[in-house]
Amino acid sequence: MEAIIEDWVNFCTGKKSFEEGHFYSLFHGINSRQELEKIFQFFDQKLDLIERTKRYLELRSSQNMKRADENLLKKFLHEDLKEKETILKINSSLREKYSQLQIIYVEDHKKIEELRFDDQTSQEFFDFIDFELVHEDERIDILYDSFYGLTADFDYRLFLFLPFIRIEYDMTSLIEFKKKGGVYAIQENNLLFSMQINDSSTAQPV
């Protein structure tokens, strides 16, 4: 772990260059705040980045998830929809799609996970966010790619990278939804959601 962080420091200070993809494992095995401080020391947003990464790692390691109240999860999604509608004011067509969504609970969480692969509306939102990322610094782009090695979940990667996005998106409600085992997918005019229990048979990948 120390070797890849030292490579990162050498890269950020211009001492060495590396092949594309070299830092994919930058966050693998992170277990201390000191390591995070070393990684993020080159950015003005370092304190926010450290706290977000720590919070994500704590969420990932949690093994005490209990079944959440369906209405509570629905409330979190409703709050997140309202926030998305606000930030999408510069994209009227996508904003209209989100404003028409009906939130519906589905018992089968595996079905929701399958539907996520065909969730075109969420993909449009992700593309919109990607356009708002700050790309002026090569180190930021490489750091963004390295989060893929930390989590395959776009919502969590977005949460980790929010300090580098040029829009005000808090994400608190959506993270609470996911923290409690919530999964979602958009199909036509419906925002479908379900929940998982974090045990040996239904643990949610993050």
N, C-alpha and C. Protein backbone atom coordinates (compact mmCIF):
# COMPACT_ATOMS: atom_id res chain seq x y z
N MET A 1 0.83 -1.20 0.00
CA MET A 1 0.00 0.00 0.00
C MET A 1 0.86 1.26 0.00
N GLU A 2 1.91 1.24 0.80
CA GLU A 2 2.77 2.42 0.88
C GLU A 2 3.44 2.72 -0.46
N ALA A 3 3.75 1.68 -1.24
CA ALA A 3 4.45 1.86 -2.51
C ALA A 3 3.60 2.65 -3.49
N ILE A 4 2.32 2.31 -3.62
CA ILE A 4 1.45 3.00 -4.57
C ILE A 4 1.21 4.45 -4.14
N ILE A 5 1.16 4.68 -2.83
CA ILE A 5 0.99 6.06 -2.35
C ILE A 5 2.24 6.88 -2.64
N GLU A 6 3.41 6.26 -2.47
CA GLU A 6 4.65 6.96 -2.79
C GLU A 6 4.72 7.27 -4.29
N ASP A 7 4.24 6.34 -5.11
CA ASP A 7 4.18 6.60 -6.55
C ASP A 7 3.27 7.79 -6.83
N TRP A 8 2.15 7.85 -6.11
CA TRP A 8 1.21 8.96 -6.29
C TRP A 8 1.86 10.30 -5.92
N VAL A 9 2.57 10.32 -4.82
CA VAL A 9 3.26 11.54 -4.39
C VAL A 9 4.29 11.95 -5.44
N ASN A 10 5.05 11.00 -5.94
CA ASN A 10 6.06 11.31 -6.95
C ASN A 10 5.42 11.82 -8.24
N PHE A 11 4.27 11.26 -8.59
CA PHE A 11 3.56 11.72 -9.78
C PHE A 11 3.04 13.14 -9.59
N CYS A 12 2.41 13.39 -8.45
CA CYS A 12 1.81 14.70 -8.19
C CYS A 12 2.85 15.81 -8.08
N THR A 13 4.05 15.46 -7.68
CA THR A 13 5.12 16.46 -7.55
C THR A 13 5.99 16.53 -8.80
N GLY A 14 5.61 15.76 -9.84
CA GLY A 14 6.31 15.83 -11.11
C GLY A 14 7.62 15.08 -11.17
N LYS A 15 7.86 14.21 -10.20
CA LYS A 15 9.13 13.50 -10.17
C LYS A 15 9.14 12.27 -11.06
N LYS A 16 7.95 11.67 -11.27
CA LYS A 16 7.87 10.46 -12.08
C LYS A 16 6.57 10.48 -12.89
N SER A 17 6.56 9.72 -13.98
CA SER A 17 5.34 9.50 -14.74
C SER A 17 5.05 8.00 -14.76
N PHE A 18 3.77 7.65 -14.95
CA PHE A 18 3.37 6.25 -14.89
C PHE A 18 2.38 5.94 -16.01
N GLU A 19 2.25 4.66 -16.31
CA GLU A 19 1.33 4.23 -17.36
C GLU A 19 -0.11 4.47 -16.92
N GLU A 20 -0.99 4.61 -17.91
CA GLU A 20 -2.41 4.79 -17.63
C GLU A 20 -2.93 3.58 -16.84
N GLY A 21 -3.71 3.83 -15.82
CA GLY A 21 -4.27 2.76 -14.99
C GLY A 21 -3.40 2.37 -13.81
N HIS A 22 -2.21 2.96 -13.70
CA HIS A 22 -1.29 2.58 -12.61
C HIS A 22 -1.90 2.84 -11.25
N PHE A 23 -2.73 3.88 -11.13
CA PHE A 23 -3.26 4.26 -9.81
C PHE A 23 -4.66 3.71 -9.53
N TYR A 24 -5.06 2.73 -10.31
CA TYR A 24 -6.37 2.12 -10.09
C TYR A 24 -6.49 1.54 -8.68
N SER A 25 -5.38 1.06 -8.14
CA SER A 25 -5.39 0.43 -6.81
C SER A 25 -4.97 1.40 -5.70
N LEU A 26 -5.03 2.71 -5.99
CA LEU A 26 -4.54 3.70 -5.03
C LEU A 26 -5.22 3.57 -3.66
N PHE A 27 -6.50 3.24 -3.65
CA PHE A 27 -7.24 3.19 -2.38
C PHE A 27 -7.39 1.78 -1.81
N HIS A 28 -6.82 0.81 -2.48
CA HIS A 28 -6.90 -0.55 -1.96
C HIS A 28 -6.11 -0.68 -0.66
N GLY A 29 -6.76 -1.19 0.37
CA GLY A 29 -6.07 -1.43 1.63
C GLY A 29 -5.86 -0.21 2.49
N ILE A 30 -6.51 0.90 2.16
CA ILE A 30 -6.39 2.11 2.98
C ILE A 30 -6.94 1.82 4.38
N ASN A 31 -6.16 2.15 5.41
CA ASN A 31 -6.64 1.87 6.77
C ASN A 31 -6.28 2.96 7.77
N SER A 32 -5.88 4.12 7.29
CA SER A 32 -5.55 5.18 8.23
C SER A 32 -5.82 6.55 7.63
N ARG A 33 -6.09 7.51 8.50
CA ARG A 33 -6.28 8.88 8.06
C ARG A 33 -4.99 9.45 7.48
N GLN A 34 -3.86 9.01 8.01
CA GLN A 34 -2.58 9.50 7.53
C GLN A 34 -2.38 9.17 6.05
N GLU A 35 -2.82 7.98 5.65
CA GLU A 35 -2.70 7.59 4.24
C GLU A 35 -3.58 8.48 3.36
N LEU A 36 -4.80 8.76 3.84
CA LEU A 36 -5.70 9.64 3.08
C LEU A 36 -5.13 11.05 2.99
N GLU A 37 -4.54 11.52 4.07
CA GLU A 37 -3.94 12.86 4.06
C GLU A 37 -2.81 12.93 3.04
N LYS A 38 -2.06 11.87 2.92
CA LYS A 38 -0.96 11.84 1.97
C LYS A 38 -1.46 11.86 0.53
N ILE A 39 -2.57 11.16 0.29
CA ILE A 39 -3.14 11.10 -1.05
C ILE A 39 -3.74 12.44 -1.46
N PHE A 40 -4.49 13.06 -0.54
CA PHE A 40 -5.26 14.26 -0.87
C PHE A 40 -4.53 15.58 -0.59
N GLN A 41 -3.29 15.52 -0.15
CA GLN A 41 -2.58 16.73 0.27
C GLN A 41 -2.41 17.77 -0.84
N PHE A 42 -2.55 17.35 -2.08
CA PHE A 42 -2.28 18.25 -3.21
C PHE A 42 -3.51 19.06 -3.65
N PHE A 43 -4.63 18.88 -2.95
CA PHE A 43 -5.87 19.52 -3.38
C PHE A 43 -6.41 20.44 -2.30
N ASP A 44 -6.95 21.57 -2.72
CA ASP A 44 -7.54 22.52 -1.78
C ASP A 44 -8.71 21.89 -1.02
N GLN A 45 -9.37 20.91 -1.63
CA GLN A 45 -10.54 20.26 -1.03
C GLN A 45 -10.15 19.06 -0.16
N LYS A 46 -8.90 18.99 0.29
CA LYS A 46 -8.39 17.79 0.94
C LYS A 46 -9.19 17.38 2.18
N LEU A 47 -9.61 18.32 3.01
CA LEU A 47 -10.33 17.96 4.23
C LEU A 47 -11.67 17.32 3.91
N ASP A 48 -12.38 17.89 2.95
CA ASP A 48 -13.66 17.32 2.53
C ASP A 48 -13.46 15.94 1.92
N LEU A 49 -12.45 15.78 1.09
CA LEU A 49 -12.16 14.49 0.47
C LEU A 49 -11.83 13.42 1.51
N ILE A 50 -11.06 13.80 2.51
CA ILE A 50 -10.69 12.86 3.58
C ILE A 50 -11.93 12.39 4.32
N GLU A 51 -12.79 13.33 4.72
CA GLU A 51 -13.97 12.97 5.50
C GLU A 51 -14.94 12.12 4.70
N ARG A 52 -15.10 12.43 3.41
CA ARG A 52 -16.00 11.64 2.58
C ARG A 52 -15.48 10.22 2.40
N THR A 53 -14.20 10.08 2.17
CA THR A 53 -13.63 8.75 1.98
C THR A 53 -13.72 7.94 3.27
N LYS A 54 -13.45 8.57 4.39
CA LYS A 54 -13.58 7.88 5.68
C LYS A 54 -15.01 7.41 5.89
N ARG A 55 -15.97 8.27 5.58
CA ARG A 55 -17.37 7.91 5.77
C ARG A 55 -17.76 6.74 4.87
N TYR A 56 -17.30 6.77 3.62
CA TYR A 56 -17.62 5.67 2.72
C TYR A 56 -17.02 4.35 3.23
N LEU A 57 -15.78 4.38 3.67
CA LEU A 57 -15.13 3.16 4.16
C LEU A 57 -15.86 2.62 5.40
N GLU A 58 -16.35 3.52 6.24
CA GLU A 58 -17.12 3.09 7.41
C GLU A 58 -18.44 2.46 6.99
N LEU A 59 -19.10 3.03 5.99
CA LEU A 59 -20.35 2.46 5.49
C LEU A 59 -20.11 1.09 4.89
N ARG A 60 -19.04 0.95 4.15
CA ARG A 60 -18.74 -0.32 3.49
C ARG A 60 -18.45 -1.43 4.49
N SER A 61 -17.83 -1.08 5.60
CA SER A 61 -17.44 -2.09 6.57
C SER A 61 -18.55 -2.41 7.57
N SER A 62 -19.65 -1.65 7.53
CA SER A 62 -20.74 -1.88 8.47
C SER A 62 -21.40 -3.23 8.21
N GLN A 63 -21.61 -3.99 9.27
CA GLN A 63 -22.24 -5.31 9.15
C GLN A 63 -23.52 -5.40 9.97
N ASN A 64 -24.07 -4.27 10.37
CA ASN A 64 -25.22 -4.28 11.28
C ASN A 64 -26.50 -3.70 10.66
N MET A 65 -26.62 -3.81 9.34
CA MET A 65 -27.78 -3.25 8.67
C MET A 65 -29.04 -4.03 9.03
N LYS A 66 -30.07 -3.33 9.48
CA LYS A 66 -31.35 -3.94 9.77
C LYS A 66 -32.37 -3.49 8.73
N ARG A 67 -33.44 -4.24 8.61
CA ARG A 67 -34.46 -3.91 7.63
C ARG A 67 -35.02 -2.51 7.91
N ALA A 68 -34.97 -1.65 6.90
CA ALA A 68 -35.42 -0.28 7.06
C ALA A 68 -36.91 -0.18 6.79
N ASP A 69 -37.51 0.87 7.31
CA ASP A 69 -38.92 1.12 7.06
C ASP A 69 -39.09 1.57 5.61
N GLU A 70 -40.03 0.96 4.92
CA GLU A 70 -40.28 1.27 3.51
C GLU A 70 -40.59 2.75 3.31
N ASN A 71 -41.38 3.32 4.20
CA ASN A 71 -41.75 4.74 4.08
C ASN A 71 -40.56 5.66 4.28
N LEU A 72 -39.62 5.24 5.14
CA LEU A 72 -38.43 6.05 5.35
C LEU A 72 -37.56 6.08 4.09
N LEU A 73 -37.41 4.91 3.47
CA LEU A 73 -36.64 4.86 2.23
C LEU A 73 -37.30 5.71 1.14
N LYS A 74 -38.60 5.64 1.08
CA LYS A 74 -39.33 6.43 0.10
C LYS A 74 -39.14 7.93 0.36
N LYS A 75 -39.11 8.30 1.62
CA LYS A 75 -38.88 9.70 1.99
C LYS A 75 -37.50 10.17 1.52
N PHE A 76 -36.49 9.34 1.72
CA PHE A 76 -35.14 9.68 1.28
C PHE A 76 -35.10 9.88 -0.24
N LEU A 77 -35.76 9.00 -0.98
CA LEU A 77 -35.78 9.11 -2.43
C LEU A 77 -36.51 10.37 -2.88
N HIS A 78 -37.61 10.67 -2.22
CA HIS A 78 -38.36 11.88 -2.55
C HIS A 78 -37.50 13.12 -2.35
N GLU A 79 -36.77 13.18 -1.25
CA GLU A 79 -35.88 14.31 -0.98
C GLU A 79 -34.79 14.41 -2.03
N ASP A 80 -34.24 13.25 -2.42
CA ASP A 80 -33.18 13.26 -3.43
C ASP A 80 -33.72 13.71 -4.78
N LEU A 81 -34.92 13.31 -5.12
CA LEU A 81 -35.53 13.74 -6.38
C LEU A 81 -35.67 15.26 -6.42
N LYS A 82 -36.12 15.83 -5.33
CA LYS A 82 -36.28 17.28 -5.28
C LYS A 82 -34.94 17.99 -5.45
N GLU A 83 -33.92 17.42 -4.86
CA GLU A 83 -32.58 18.02 -5.01
C GLU A 83 -32.10 17.90 -6.45
N LYS A 84 -32.33 16.74 -7.07
CA LYS A 84 -31.94 16.56 -8.47
C LYS A 84 -32.68 17.55 -9.38
N GLU A 85 -33.97 17.74 -9.13
CA GLU A 85 -34.74 18.68 -9.94
C GLU A 85 -34.15 20.09 -9.85
N THR A 86 -33.67 20.43 -8.67
CA THR A 86 -33.09 21.77 -8.49
C THR A 86 -31.81 21.94 -9.30
N ILE A 87 -30.92 20.97 -9.24
CA ILE A 87 -29.65 21.10 -9.95
C ILE A 87 -29.80 20.90 -11.45
N LEU A 88 -30.93 20.31 -11.87
CA LEU A 88 -31.17 20.08 -13.30
C LEU A 88 -31.89 21.25 -13.96
N LYS A 89 -31.95 22.37 -13.32
CA LYS A 89 -32.63 23.53 -13.90
C LYS A 89 -31.95 24.00 -15.18
N ILE A 90 -30.69 23.60 -15.39
CA ILE A 90 -29.99 23.97 -16.62
C ILE A 90 -30.15 22.89 -17.69
N ASN A 91 -30.89 21.84 -17.37
CA ASN A 91 -31.16 20.77 -18.34
C ASN A 91 -32.67 20.47 -18.26
N SER A 92 -33.46 21.24 -18.98
CA SER A 92 -34.91 21.18 -18.83
C SER A 92 -35.51 19.83 -19.21
N SER A 93 -34.98 19.18 -20.25
CA SER A 93 -35.55 17.90 -20.68
C SER A 93 -35.34 16.81 -19.64
N LEU A 94 -34.13 16.76 -19.05
CA LEU A 94 -33.86 15.75 -18.02
C LEU A 94 -34.61 16.10 -16.74
N ARG A 95 -34.70 17.36 -16.44
CA ARG A 95 -35.44 17.78 -15.25
C ARG A 95 -36.91 17.35 -15.36
N GLU A 96 -37.49 17.47 -16.53
CA GLU A 96 -38.88 17.06 -16.72
C GLU A 96 -39.06 15.57 -16.47
N LYS A 97 -38.10 14.77 -16.90
CA LYS A 97 -38.18 13.32 -16.67
C LYS A 97 -38.21 13.02 -15.18
N TYR A 98 -37.36 13.69 -14.42
CA TYR A 98 -37.31 13.44 -12.97
C TYR A 98 -38.56 13.97 -12.27
N SER A 99 -39.11 15.06 -12.74
CA SER A 99 -40.29 15.64 -12.09
C SER A 99 -41.52 14.77 -12.27
N GLN A 100 -41.53 13.88 -13.27
CA GLN A 100 -42.69 13.03 -13.55
C GLN A 100 -42.61 11.66 -12.88
N LEU A 101 -41.52 11.38 -12.20
CA LEU A 101 -41.33 10.05 -11.64
C LEU A 101 -42.28 9.76 -10.47
N GLN A 102 -42.80 8.54 -10.47
CA GLN A 102 -43.59 8.04 -9.35
C GLN A 102 -42.75 7.02 -8.59
N ILE A 103 -42.66 7.19 -7.28
CA ILE A 103 -41.82 6.31 -6.47
C ILE A 103 -42.64 5.08 -6.04
N ILE A 104 -42.16 3.90 -6.42
CA ILE A 104 -42.90 2.66 -6.19
C ILE A 104 -42.00 1.62 -5.54
N TYR A 105 -42.50 1.00 -4.48
CA TYR A 105 -41.74 -0.06 -3.80
C TYR A 105 -41.94 -1.40 -4.50
N VAL A 106 -40.83 -2.15 -4.64
CA VAL A 106 -40.85 -3.49 -5.23
C VAL A 106 -40.19 -4.45 -4.24
N GLU A 107 -40.82 -5.56 -3.98
CA GLU A 107 -40.30 -6.50 -2.97
C GLU A 107 -38.99 -7.16 -3.39
N ASP A 108 -38.87 -7.49 -4.67
CA ASP A 108 -37.72 -8.24 -5.17
C ASP A 108 -36.54 -7.30 -5.48
N HIS A 109 -35.59 -7.22 -4.57
CA HIS A 109 -34.46 -6.30 -4.76
C HIS A 109 -33.55 -6.77 -5.90
N LYS A 110 -33.51 -8.08 -6.18
CA LYS A 110 -32.67 -8.57 -7.26
C LYS A 110 -33.20 -8.08 -8.61
N LYS A 111 -34.50 -7.95 -8.71
CA LYS A 111 -35.08 -7.43 -9.94
C LYS A 111 -34.65 -5.98 -10.16
N ILE A 112 -34.62 -5.20 -9.08
CA ILE A 112 -34.19 -3.80 -9.19
C ILE A 112 -32.74 -3.73 -9.65
N GLU A 113 -31.90 -4.59 -9.11
CA GLU A 113 -30.49 -4.59 -9.48
C GLU A 113 -30.32 -4.91 -10.97
N GLU A 114 -31.15 -5.82 -11.49
CA GLU A 114 -31.11 -6.15 -12.91
C GLU A 114 -31.55 -4.96 -13.76
N LEU A 115 -32.59 -4.26 -13.30
CA LEU A 115 -33.13 -3.13 -14.06
C LEU A 115 -32.15 -1.95 -14.12
N ARG A 116 -31.25 -1.88 -13.17
CA ARG A 116 -30.28 -0.77 -13.15
C ARG A 116 -29.42 -0.76 -14.41
N PHE A 117 -29.20 -1.94 -15.01
CA PHE A 117 -28.37 -2.01 -16.21
C PHE A 117 -29.06 -1.35 -17.41
N ASP A 118 -30.39 -1.22 -17.35
CA ASP A 118 -31.15 -0.60 -18.44
C ASP A 118 -31.72 0.75 -18.03
N ASP A 119 -31.19 1.32 -16.99
CA ASP A 119 -31.71 2.59 -16.46
C ASP A 119 -31.11 3.76 -17.24
N GLN A 120 -31.75 4.12 -18.32
CA GLN A 120 -31.23 5.16 -19.20
C GLN A 120 -31.33 6.56 -18.58
N THR A 121 -32.37 6.80 -17.79
CA THR A 121 -32.54 8.11 -17.18
C THR A 121 -31.43 8.40 -16.18
N SER A 122 -31.09 7.40 -15.34
CA SER A 122 -29.98 7.59 -14.41
C SER A 122 -28.67 7.79 -15.16
N GLN A 123 -28.50 7.07 -16.28
CA GLN A 123 -27.29 7.23 -17.06
C GLN A 123 -27.18 8.64 -17.63
N GLU A 124 -28.32 9.20 -18.04
CA GLU A 124 -28.32 10.59 -18.51
C GLU A 124 -27.90 11.54 -17.39
N PHE A 125 -28.36 11.26 -16.19
CA PHE A 125 -27.98 12.10 -15.05
C PHE A 125 -26.49 11.97 -14.78
N PHE A 126 -25.97 10.75 -14.83
CA PHE A 126 -24.54 10.54 -14.61
C PHE A 126 -23.72 11.28 -15.66
N ASP A 127 -24.19 11.27 -16.92
CA ASP A 127 -23.48 11.98 -17.98
C ASP A 127 -23.52 13.49 -17.72
N PHE A 128 -24.65 13.97 -17.23
CA PHE A 128 -24.77 15.39 -16.89
C PHE A 128 -23.77 15.77 -15.81
N ILE A 129 -23.65 14.93 -14.79
CA ILE A 129 -22.71 15.19 -13.70
C ILE A 129 -21.28 15.14 -14.22
N ASP A 130 -20.98 14.18 -15.07
CA ASP A 130 -19.62 14.05 -15.60
C ASP A 130 -19.21 15.31 -16.34
N PHE A 131 -20.15 15.94 -17.02
CA PHE A 131 -19.86 17.18 -17.73
C PHE A 131 -19.51 18.31 -16.76
N GLU A 132 -20.01 18.21 -15.52
CA GLU A 132 -19.79 19.26 -14.52
C GLU A 132 -18.53 19.02 -13.68
N LEU A 133 -17.80 17.94 -13.96
CA LEU A 133 -16.57 17.69 -13.22
C LEU A 133 -15.49 18.68 -13.62
N VAL A 134 -14.65 19.02 -12.68
CA VAL A 134 -13.50 19.88 -12.96
C VAL A 134 -12.40 19.04 -13.60
N HIS A 135 -11.98 19.40 -14.80
CA HIS A 135 -11.00 18.61 -15.53
C HIS A 135 -9.71 19.38 -15.84
N GLU A 136 -9.51 20.51 -15.16
CA GLU A 136 -8.35 21.33 -15.48
C GLU A 136 -7.02 20.73 -15.04
N ASP A 137 -7.07 19.77 -14.13
CA ASP A 137 -5.86 19.20 -13.54
C ASP A 137 -5.84 17.69 -13.82
N GLU A 138 -4.78 17.21 -14.46
CA GLU A 138 -4.68 15.79 -14.79
C GLU A 138 -4.77 14.93 -13.53
N ARG A 139 -4.28 15.44 -12.42
CA ARG A 139 -4.31 14.68 -11.18
C ARG A 139 -5.75 14.41 -10.73
N ILE A 140 -6.64 15.36 -11.00
CA ILE A 140 -8.04 15.17 -10.63
C ILE A 140 -8.66 14.06 -11.46
N ASP A 141 -8.39 14.04 -12.76
CA ASP A 141 -8.93 12.99 -13.62
C ASP A 141 -8.43 11.60 -13.18
N ILE A 142 -7.16 11.51 -12.84
CA ILE A 142 -6.60 10.22 -12.41
C ILE A 142 -7.18 9.81 -11.06
N LEU A 143 -7.38 10.78 -10.18
CA LEU A 143 -7.99 10.48 -8.89
C LEU A 143 -9.40 9.96 -9.08
N TYR A 144 -10.16 10.59 -9.98
CA TYR A 144 -11.52 10.15 -10.28
C TYR A 144 -11.52 8.69 -10.76
N ASP A 145 -10.61 8.36 -11.66
CA ASP A 145 -10.52 6.99 -12.16
C ASP A 145 -10.15 6.02 -11.05
N SER A 146 -9.33 6.47 -10.11
CA SER A 146 -8.90 5.58 -9.03
C SER A 146 -10.05 5.19 -8.12
N PHE A 147 -11.10 6.02 -8.06
CA PHE A 147 -12.26 5.67 -7.23
C PHE A 147 -13.00 4.45 -7.78
N TYR A 148 -12.80 4.15 -9.07
CA TYR A 148 -13.38 2.93 -9.63
C TYR A 148 -12.79 1.70 -8.94
N GLY A 149 -11.55 1.81 -8.49
CA GLY A 149 -10.94 0.71 -7.77
C GLY A 149 -11.43 0.59 -6.35
N LEU A 150 -12.13 1.63 -5.88
CA LEU A 150 -12.66 1.63 -4.51
C LEU A 150 -14.10 1.15 -4.48
N THR A 151 -14.89 1.54 -5.48
CA THR A 151 -16.30 1.13 -5.54
C THR A 151 -16.80 1.15 -6.97
N ALA A 152 -17.62 0.18 -7.32
CA ALA A 152 -18.23 0.12 -8.65
C ALA A 152 -19.54 0.88 -8.70
N ASP A 153 -19.99 1.36 -7.56
CA ASP A 153 -21.28 2.04 -7.46
C ASP A 153 -21.11 3.51 -7.83
N PHE A 154 -21.82 3.98 -8.88
CA PHE A 154 -21.63 5.35 -9.33
C PHE A 154 -22.06 6.35 -8.26
N ASP A 155 -23.14 6.08 -7.55
CA ASP A 155 -23.62 7.02 -6.54
C ASP A 155 -22.55 7.25 -5.48
N TYR A 156 -21.88 6.20 -5.06
CA TYR A 156 -20.83 6.36 -4.06
C TYR A 156 -19.61 7.07 -4.65
N ARG A 157 -19.26 6.77 -5.91
CA ARG A 157 -18.14 7.47 -6.53
C ARG A 157 -18.44 8.96 -6.64
N LEU A 158 -19.69 9.27 -6.98
CA LEU A 158 -20.09 10.67 -7.07
C LEU A 158 -19.99 11.33 -5.70
N PHE A 159 -20.44 10.64 -4.67
CA PHE A 159 -20.36 11.17 -3.31
C PHE A 159 -18.91 11.48 -2.94
N LEU A 160 -18.01 10.58 -3.28
CA LEU A 160 -16.59 10.78 -2.97
C LEU A 160 -16.01 11.96 -3.72
N PHE A 161 -16.51 12.20 -4.92
CA PHE A 161 -15.90 13.18 -5.80
C PHE A 161 -16.63 14.52 -5.81
N LEU A 162 -17.65 14.68 -5.01
CA LEU A 162 -18.44 15.92 -5.00
C LEU A 162 -17.61 17.20 -4.85
N PRO A 163 -16.53 17.20 -4.08
CA PRO A 163 -15.74 18.44 -3.95
C PRO A 163 -15.20 18.99 -5.27
N PHE A 164 -15.15 18.13 -6.30
CA PHE A 164 -14.62 18.57 -7.59
C PHE A 164 -15.71 18.82 -8.62
N ILE A 165 -16.95 18.89 -8.21
CA ILE A 165 -18.06 19.08 -9.14
C ILE A 165 -18.59 20.50 -9.01
N ARG A 166 -18.91 21.11 -10.14
CA ARG A 166 -19.25 22.53 -10.17
C ARG A 166 -20.73 22.81 -9.91
N ILE A 167 -21.42 21.92 -9.26
CA ILE A 167 -22.82 22.14 -8.90
C ILE A 167 -23.01 21.81 -7.43
N GLU A 168 -24.09 22.34 -6.86
CA GLU A 168 -24.40 22.10 -5.45
C GLU A 168 -25.33 20.90 -5.32
N TYR A 169 -24.76 19.76 -5.03
CA TYR A 169 -25.54 18.53 -4.85
C TYR A 169 -25.10 17.90 -3.54
N ASP A 170 -25.97 17.89 -2.55
CA ASP A 170 -25.61 17.46 -1.21
C ASP A 170 -25.53 15.94 -1.08
N MET A 171 -26.48 15.23 -1.66
CA MET A 171 -26.52 13.76 -1.68
C MET A 171 -26.81 13.11 -0.34
N THR A 172 -27.07 13.88 0.70
CA THR A 172 -27.28 13.30 2.03
C THR A 172 -28.41 12.28 2.03
N SER A 173 -29.53 12.63 1.41
CA SER A 173 -30.70 11.74 1.42
C SER A 173 -30.42 10.44 0.67
N LEU A 174 -29.76 10.55 -0.49
CA LEU A 174 -29.47 9.34 -1.26
C LEU A 174 -28.49 8.43 -0.54
N ILE A 175 -27.50 9.01 0.11
CA ILE A 175 -26.54 8.19 0.86
C ILE A 175 -27.22 7.51 2.04
N GLU A 176 -28.14 8.19 2.71
CA GLU A 176 -28.90 7.57 3.80
C GLU A 176 -29.75 6.42 3.26
N PHE A 177 -30.33 6.62 2.10
CA PHE A 177 -31.12 5.57 1.44
C PHE A 177 -30.26 4.33 1.19
N LYS A 178 -29.09 4.52 0.63
CA LYS A 178 -28.21 3.40 0.32
C LYS A 178 -27.61 2.79 1.57
N LYS A 179 -27.35 3.63 2.56
CA LYS A 179 -26.80 3.15 3.83
C LYS A 179 -27.73 2.15 4.48
N LYS A 180 -29.02 2.33 4.29
CA LYS A 180 -30.02 1.45 4.90
C LYS A 180 -30.42 0.30 3.98
N GLY A 181 -29.63 0.08 2.94
CA GLY A 181 -29.86 -1.06 2.07
C GLY A 181 -30.73 -0.78 0.87
N GLY A 182 -31.03 0.48 0.61
CA GLY A 182 -31.89 0.81 -0.51
C GLY A 182 -31.21 0.61 -1.86
N VAL A 183 -31.97 0.11 -2.82
CA VAL A 183 -31.53 -0.01 -4.21
C VAL A 183 -32.64 0.57 -5.08
N TYR A 184 -32.28 1.17 -6.21
CA TYR A 184 -33.29 1.80 -7.04
C TYR A 184 -32.96 1.67 -8.52
N ALA A 185 -33.99 1.85 -9.34
CA ALA A 185 -33.82 1.89 -10.79
C ALA A 185 -35.00 2.65 -11.37
N ILE A 186 -34.74 3.40 -12.42
CA ILE A 186 -35.80 4.16 -13.08
C ILE A 186 -36.21 3.43 -14.35
N GLN A 187 -37.51 3.17 -14.47
CA GLN A 187 -38.08 2.55 -15.65
C GLN A 187 -39.28 3.36 -16.10
N GLU A 188 -39.18 3.91 -17.30
CA GLU A 188 -40.22 4.78 -17.83
C GLU A 188 -40.47 5.93 -16.84
N ASN A 189 -41.69 6.07 -16.32
CA ASN A 189 -41.98 7.16 -15.39
C ASN A 189 -42.00 6.70 -13.94
N ASN A 190 -41.37 5.58 -13.66
CA ASN A 190 -41.39 5.02 -12.30
C ASN A 190 -39.99 4.94 -11.72
N LEU A 191 -39.86 5.39 -10.50
CA LEU A 191 -38.63 5.21 -9.73
C LEU A 191 -38.89 4.03 -8.80
N LEU A 192 -38.40 2.87 -9.19
CA LEU A 192 -38.63 1.64 -8.44
C LEU A 192 -37.54 1.48 -7.39
N PHE A 193 -37.93 1.02 -6.21
CA PHE A 193 -36.92 0.81 -5.18
C PHE A 193 -37.24 -0.42 -4.35
N SER A 194 -36.21 -0.95 -3.74
CA SER A 194 -36.34 -2.09 -2.84
C SER A 194 -35.28 -1.96 -1.77
N MET A 195 -35.13 -2.98 -0.95
CA MET A 195 -34.13 -2.92 0.11
C MET A 195 -33.47 -4.27 0.30
N GLN A 196 -32.27 -4.24 0.83
CA GLN A 196 -31.52 -5.43 1.13
C GLN A 196 -31.18 -5.46 2.61
N ILE A 197 -30.95 -6.66 3.11
CA ILE A 197 -30.46 -6.82 4.48
C ILE A 197 -29.03 -7.30 4.39
N ASN A 198 -28.15 -6.69 5.15
CA ASN A 198 -26.72 -6.97 5.07
C ASN A 198 -26.37 -8.22 5.87
N ASP A 199 -26.74 -9.38 5.29
CA ASP A 199 -26.33 -10.66 5.89
C ASP A 199 -25.62 -11.47 4.82
N SER A 200 -25.31 -12.72 5.11
CA SER A 200 -24.50 -13.52 4.20
C SER A 200 -25.16 -13.79 2.87
N SER A 201 -26.50 -13.71 2.83
CA SER A 201 -27.19 -14.03 1.59
C SER A 201 -27.62 -12.82 0.82
N THR A 202 -27.66 -11.62 1.48
CA THR A 202 -28.19 -10.46 0.78
C THR A 202 -27.31 -9.23 0.93
N ALA A 203 -26.03 -9.43 1.18
CA ALA A 203 -25.14 -8.29 1.35
C ALA A 203 -25.08 -7.46 0.09
N GLN A 204 -25.14 -6.16 0.23
CA GLN A 204 -25.14 -5.25 -0.91
C GLN A 204 -23.73 -4.85 -1.29
N PRO A 205 -23.33 -5.08 -2.57
CA PRO A 205 -22.01 -4.66 -3.00
C PRO A 205 -21.94 -3.15 -3.07
N VAL A 206 -20.79 -2.56 -2.67
CA VAL A 206 -20.65 -1.12 -2.74
C VAL A 206 -19.36 -0.75 -3.44
